[in-house]
Amino acid sequence: MDKEAQFKATLELLVPHIIDEIIKTRKIAEDDAFDVLYSSFLYSKLEDEATKLWHLSPLTLVSLLLEELETGTITFPEET
């Protein structure tokens, strides 16, 4: 498996956990949670393997997403 395929597989495993956290924290339907995630700036950065955001926990990623939704900006952790 090449590096890009591995990264896509990682995202496929990570996204359901992020969606579950969005549903819990925002109390919204699954379809709405997908819309929120996929339309976010955070997701555009998460899709970029070079940002290394994929190594953060789903809870941390949702925290960043909530920050984006509330403030319009994201303060990325130093290690990314």
C-alpha atoms as a PDB file:
ATOM      1  CA  MET A   1       0.000   0.000   0.000  1.00  0.00           C
ATOM      2  CA  ASP A   2       1.463   3.365  -0.994  1.00  0.00           C
ATOM      3  CA  LYS A   3       1.671   6.352   1.330  1.00  0.00           C
ATOM      4  CA  GLU A   4      -1.382   8.109  -0.144  1.00  0.00           C
ATOM      5  CA  ALA A   5      -3.513   4.977   0.195  1.00  0.00           C
ATOM      6  CA  GLN A   6      -2.376   4.581   3.811  1.00  0.00           C
ATOM      7  CA  PHE A   7      -3.307   8.191   4.536  1.00  0.00           C
ATOM      8  CA  LYS A   8      -6.761   7.768   2.969  1.00  0.00           C
ATOM      9  CA  ALA A   9      -7.278   4.623   5.039  1.00  0.00           C
ATOM     10  CA  THR A  10      -6.299   6.541   8.172  1.00  0.00           C
ATOM     11  CA  LEU A  11      -8.843   9.253   7.375  1.00  0.00           C
ATOM     12  CA  GLU A  12     -11.520   6.634   6.734  1.00  0.00           C
ATOM     13  CA  LEU A  13     -10.892   5.236  10.215  1.00  0.00           C
ATOM     14  CA  LEU A  14     -10.691   8.641  11.893  1.00  0.00           C
ATOM     15  CA  VAL A  15     -13.740  10.375  10.391  1.00  0.00           C
ATOM     16  CA  PRO A  16     -16.404   8.141  12.050  1.00  0.00           C
ATOM     17  CA  HIS A  17     -14.898   8.899  15.457  1.00  0.00           C
ATOM     18  CA  ILE A  18     -14.914  12.627  14.715  1.00  0.00           C
ATOM     19  CA  ILE A  19     -18.532  12.395  13.543  1.00  0.00           C
ATOM     20  CA  ASP A  20     -19.512  10.597  16.763  1.00  0.00           C
ATOM     21  CA  GLU A  21     -17.916  13.376  18.812  1.00  0.00           C
ATOM     22  CA  ILE A  22     -19.658  16.080  16.747  1.00  0.00           C
ATOM     23  CA  ILE A  23     -23.012  14.344  17.278  1.00  0.00           C
ATOM     24  CA  LYS A  24     -22.397  14.159  21.042  1.00  0.00           C
ATOM     25  CA  THR A  25     -21.167  17.713  21.498  1.00  0.00           C
ATOM     26  CA  ARG A  26     -23.511  19.523  19.095  1.00  0.00           C
ATOM     27  CA  LYS A  27     -26.489  17.181  19.565  1.00  0.00           C
ATOM     28  CA  ILE A  28     -27.179  17.054  15.843  1.00  0.00           C
ATOM     29  CA  ALA A  29     -28.089  14.330  13.361  1.00  0.00           C
ATOM     30  CA  GLU A  30     -25.389  12.275  11.674  1.00  0.00           C
ATOM     31  CA  ASP A  31     -26.021  13.822   8.236  1.00  0.00           C
ATOM     32  CA  ASP A  32     -25.678  17.292   9.742  1.00  0.00           C
ATOM     33  CA  ALA A  33     -22.464  16.264  11.493  1.00  0.00           C
ATOM     34  CA  PHE A  34     -20.996  15.146   8.165  1.00  0.00           C
ATOM     35  CA  ASP A  35     -22.033  18.471   6.598  1.00  0.00           C
ATOM     36  CA  VAL A  36     -20.388  20.411   9.423  1.00  0.00           C
ATOM     37  CA  LEU A  37     -17.160  18.440   9.184  1.00  0.00           C
ATOM     38  CA  TYR A  38     -16.821  18.280   5.412  1.00  0.00           C
ATOM     39  CA  SER A  39     -17.565  21.984   4.936  1.00  0.00           C
ATOM     40  CA  SER A  40     -15.046  23.089   7.561  1.00  0.00           C
ATOM     41  CA  PHE A  41     -11.628  24.651   7.122  1.00  0.00           C
ATOM     42  CA  LEU A  42     -10.396  22.073   9.641  1.00  0.00           C
ATOM     43  CA  TYR A  43     -11.360  19.233   7.301  1.00  0.00           C
ATOM     44  CA  SER A  44      -9.537  20.856   4.399  1.00  0.00           C
ATOM     45  CA  LYS A  45      -6.426  20.864   6.583  1.00  0.00           C
ATOM     46  CA  LEU A  46      -7.078  17.336   7.856  1.00  0.00           C
ATOM     47  CA  GLU A  47      -7.163  16.107   4.248  1.00  0.00           C
ATOM     48  CA  ASP A  48      -3.652  17.470   3.763  1.00  0.00           C
ATOM     49  CA  GLU A  49      -1.321  14.744   5.030  1.00  0.00           C
ATOM     50  CA  ALA A  50       1.485  17.269   5.477  1.00  0.00           C
ATOM     51  CA  THR A  51      -0.388  19.055   8.294  1.00  0.00           C
ATOM     52  CA  LYS A  52      -0.172  15.903  10.427  1.00  0.00           C
ATOM     53  CA  LEU A  53      -3.552  16.760  11.977  1.00  0.00           C
ATOM     54  CA  TRP A  54      -4.596  13.146  11.473  1.00  0.00           C
ATOM     55  CA  HIS A  55      -2.484  12.141  14.469  1.00  0.00           C
ATOM     56  CA  LEU A  56      -4.614  14.228  16.880  1.00  0.00           C
ATOM     57  CA  SER A  57      -7.400  12.548  18.809  1.00  0.00           C
ATOM     58  CA  PRO A  58     -10.987  12.861  17.585  1.00  0.00           C
ATOM     59  CA  LEU A  59     -11.790  14.835  20.746  1.00  0.00           C
ATOM     60  CA  THR A  60      -8.994  17.319  20.025  1.00  0.00           C
ATOM     61  CA  LEU A  61     -10.074  17.634  16.396  1.00  0.00           C
ATOM     62  CA  VAL A  62     -13.669  18.328  17.423  1.00  0.00           C
ATOM     63  CA  SER A  63     -12.419  20.916  19.895  1.00  0.00           C
ATOM     64  CA  LEU A  64     -10.600  22.632  17.019  1.00  0.00           C
ATOM     65  CA  LEU A  65     -13.730  22.360  14.871  1.00  0.00           C
ATOM     66  CA  LEU A  66     -15.861  23.941  17.597  1.00  0.00           C
ATOM     67  CA  GLU A  67     -13.334  26.758  17.890  1.00  0.00           C
ATOM     68  CA  GLU A  68     -13.608  27.290  14.134  1.00  0.00           C
ATOM     69  CA  LEU A  69     -17.403  27.336  14.273  1.00  0.00           C
ATOM     70  CA  GLU A  70     -17.493  29.752  17.228  1.00  0.00           C
ATOM     71  CA  THR A  71     -14.695  32.138  16.262  1.00  0.00           C
ATOM     72  CA  GLY A  72     -14.010  31.599  12.579  1.00  0.00           C
ATOM     73  CA  THR A  73     -10.395  30.718  13.358  1.00  0.00           C
ATOM     74  CA  ILE A  74      -8.414  27.736  14.602  1.00  0.00           C
ATOM     75  CA  THR A  75      -5.475  27.775  16.975  1.00  0.00           C
ATOM     76  CA  PHE A  76      -3.588  24.681  15.880  1.00  0.00           C
ATOM     77  CA  PRO A  77      -1.562  22.805  18.506  1.00  0.00           C
ATOM     78  CA  GLU A  78       2.168  23.479  18.382  1.00  0.00           C
ATOM     79  CA  GLU A  79       3.062  19.891  17.533  1.00  0.00           C
ATOM     80  CA  THR A  80       1.240  19.993  14.184  1.00  0.00           C
END
